[in-house]
């Protein structure tokens, strides 16, 4: 693969691979609980539901992270993706206890997906401005998103 292309997507690839490992971890937890208790316990139901919920949001996460990383800036998108994985872990672990304990992880993950979506929209709008309006605001926007990505850590 071309070295320039690899530099522009390397962090996104790393976060994607981490998310695959996390999915495997979640599936292993569900399988272990199913085998241990024959799949008829409330704990299995909670684990299974948490896994399904995480898998439902997974394609959206990948799409907005890659779009934000390619259209705007790789580093903030990869950072937000990593924080999303932490929030998803918090959601999954919270769901293993009481379902109300999963709410903070869910809300935090939703906030990160919104940030990534906003990065996508800004990247697409900047591309349209460059193409049809001959104005390039990408450097300014990248500076703002790099600074704003740190704000994701504020609860």
Protein backbone atom coordinates (compact mmCIF):
# COMPACT_ATOMS: atom_id res chain seq x y z
CA UNK A 1 0.00 0.00 0.00
CA UNK A 2 1.21 3.49 -0.75
CA UNK A 3 3.03 5.03 2.22
CA UNK A 4 1.16 8.33 2.00
CA UNK A 5 -2.21 6.58 2.03
CA UNK A 6 -1.13 4.43 4.98
CA UNK A 7 -0.09 7.52 6.96
CA UNK A 8 -3.55 8.99 6.45
CA UNK A 9 -5.45 5.94 7.68
CA UNK A 10 -3.11 4.13 10.08
CA UNK A 11 -4.76 5.35 13.30
CA UNK A 12 -8.20 4.53 11.95
CA UNK A 13 -7.03 1.01 11.14
CA UNK A 14 -5.69 0.58 14.68
CA UNK A 15 -8.96 1.71 16.27
CA UNK A 16 -10.90 -0.58 13.91
CA UNK A 17 -8.77 -3.55 14.95
CA UNK A 18 -9.25 -2.68 18.62
CA UNK A 19 -13.00 -2.60 18.05
CA UNK A 20 -12.87 -6.05 16.44
CA UNK A 21 -11.00 -7.38 19.50
CA UNK A 22 -13.62 -5.79 21.75
CA UNK A 23 -16.42 -7.47 19.76
CA UNK A 24 -14.66 -10.81 20.16
CA UNK A 25 -14.37 -10.18 23.91
CA UNK A 26 -18.09 -9.40 24.16
CA UNK A 27 -18.99 -12.53 22.18
CA UNK A 28 -16.72 -14.64 24.36
CA UNK A 29 -18.45 -13.32 27.50
CA UNK A 30 -21.86 -14.22 26.09
CA UNK A 31 -20.69 -17.69 25.04
CA UNK A 32 -19.08 -18.35 28.43
CA UNK A 33 -22.24 -17.34 30.30
CA UNK A 34 -24.39 -19.47 27.98
CA UNK A 35 -22.25 -22.57 28.50
CA UNK A 36 -21.95 -22.05 32.25
CA UNK A 37 -25.66 -21.69 32.94
CA UNK A 38 -27.31 -23.22 29.87
CA UNK A 39 -28.51 -19.80 28.67
CA UNK A 40 -31.45 -19.56 31.04
CA UNK A 41 -30.31 -16.99 33.57
CA UNK A 42 -31.04 -13.27 33.84
CA UNK A 43 -27.27 -12.65 33.62
CA UNK A 44 -27.17 -14.36 30.22
CA UNK A 45 -30.13 -12.32 29.01
CA UNK A 46 -28.43 -9.07 30.09
CA UNK A 47 -25.13 -10.06 28.45
CA UNK A 48 -26.86 -11.12 25.27
CA UNK A 49 -28.88 -7.90 25.14
CA UNK A 50 -25.82 -5.75 25.77
CA UNK A 51 -23.93 -7.56 23.02
CA UNK A 52 -26.81 -7.11 20.56
CA UNK A 53 -27.07 -3.41 21.42
CA UNK A 54 -23.33 -2.92 20.88
CA UNK A 55 -23.49 -4.77 17.56
CA UNK A 56 -26.45 -2.66 16.43
CA UNK A 57 -24.43 0.55 16.85
CA UNK A 58 -21.19 -0.90 15.44
CA UNK A 59 -21.75 -0.19 11.70
CA UNK A 60 -22.72 3.40 12.50
CA UNK A 61 -19.59 3.83 14.61
CA UNK A 62 -17.32 2.49 11.88
CA UNK A 63 -18.96 4.60 9.18
CA UNK A 64 -18.76 7.91 11.01
CA UNK A 65 -15.25 7.27 12.36
CA UNK A 66 -13.84 6.44 8.92
CA UNK A 67 -15.75 9.26 7.23
CA UNK A 68 -14.55 11.79 9.82
CA UNK A 69 -10.98 10.52 9.59
CA UNK A 70 -10.83 10.60 5.81
CA UNK A 71 -12.87 13.74 5.14
CA UNK A 72 -11.48 15.88 7.94
CA UNK A 73 -8.74 14.72 10.26
CA UNK A 74 -7.45 11.29 11.23
CA UNK A 75 -6.10 11.99 14.74
CA UNK A 76 -9.26 13.47 16.34
CA UNK A 77 -11.42 10.81 14.66
CA UNK A 78 -9.17 8.01 15.97
CA UNK A 79 -9.10 9.59 19.43
CA UNK A 80 -12.89 9.87 19.47
CA UNK A 81 -13.09 6.27 18.25
CA UNK A 82 -10.88 5.10 21.11
CA UNK A 83 -12.97 7.02 23.63
CA UNK A 84 -16.09 5.46 22.07
CA UNK A 85 -14.62 1.99 22.64
CA UNK A 86 -14.03 2.87 26.30
CA UNK A 87 -17.63 4.13 26.59
CA UNK A 88 -18.90 0.96 24.94
CA UNK A 89 -16.90 -1.14 27.43
CA UNK A 90 -18.43 0.88 30.26
CA UNK A 91 -21.87 0.30 28.77
CA UNK A 92 -21.30 -3.45 28.45
CA UNK A 93 -19.92 -3.83 31.98
CA UNK A 94 -22.72 -1.66 33.35
CA UNK A 95 -25.30 -3.82 31.61
CA UNK A 96 -23.84 -6.91 33.29
CA UNK A 97 -24.92 -5.43 36.63
CA UNK A 98 -28.16 -3.51 36.62
CA UNK A 99 -29.41 -2.12 33.33
CA UNK A 100 -29.57 1.39 34.83
CA UNK A 101 -25.79 1.21 35.36
CA UNK A 102 -25.33 1.12 31.59
CA UNK A 103 -26.95 4.53 31.01
CA UNK A 104 -23.79 6.66 31.48
CA UNK A 105 -21.87 4.55 28.96
CA UNK A 106 -24.76 4.72 26.51
CA UNK A 107 -25.10 8.50 26.75
CA UNK A 108 -21.35 9.05 26.51
CA UNK A 109 -21.15 6.82 23.44
CA UNK A 110 -24.04 8.69 21.84
CA UNK A 111 -22.23 11.98 22.42
CA UNK A 112 -19.08 10.66 20.74
CA UNK A 113 -21.05 9.39 17.75
CA UNK A 114 -22.61 12.85 17.44
CA UNK A 115 -19.14 14.44 17.48
CA UNK A 116 -17.92 12.07 14.77
CA UNK A 117 -21.03 12.75 12.70
CA UNK A 118 -20.44 16.49 13.02
CA UNK A 119 -16.84 15.97 11.87
CA UNK A 120 -18.17 14.12 8.81
CA UNK A 121 -20.57 16.90 7.93
CA UNK A 122 -17.91 19.59 8.36
CA UNK A 123 -15.48 17.59 6.20
CA UNK A 124 -18.03 17.18 3.42
CA UNK A 125 -19.03 20.86 3.56
CA UNK A 126 -15.36 21.89 3.40
CA UNK A 127 -14.85 19.63 0.37
CA UNK A 128 -17.83 21.26 -1.35
CA UNK A 129 -16.48 24.73 -0.53
CA UNK A 130 -13.09 23.84 -1.98
CA UNK A 131 -14.60 22.28 -5.09
CA UNK A 132 -17.30 24.83 -5.88
CA UNK A 133 -16.37 27.94 -3.92
CA UNK A 134 -12.56 27.86 -4.03
CA UNK A 135 -12.36 28.42 -0.27
CA UNK A 136 -10.37 26.03 1.90
CA UNK A 137 -11.05 26.10 5.62
CA UNK A 138 -9.62 22.65 6.34
CA UNK A 139 -6.63 23.87 8.38
CA UNK A 140 -8.84 26.01 10.62
CA UNK A 141 -11.38 23.26 11.01
CA UNK A 142 -8.70 20.67 11.83
CA UNK A 143 -7.32 22.93 14.55
CA UNK A 144 -10.78 23.34 16.05
CA UNK A 145 -11.58 19.61 15.94
CA UNK A 146 -8.25 18.71 17.53
CA UNK A 147 -9.01 21.08 20.38
CA UNK A 148 -12.65 20.01 20.60
CA UNK A 149 -11.80 16.29 20.74
CA UNK A 150 -10.27 16.84 24.18
CA UNK A 151 -13.64 18.21 25.34
CA UNK A 152 -15.12 14.74 24.79
CA UNK A 153 -13.51 13.66 28.03
CA UNK A 154 -15.64 16.06 30.08
CA UNK A 155 -18.60 14.11 31.53
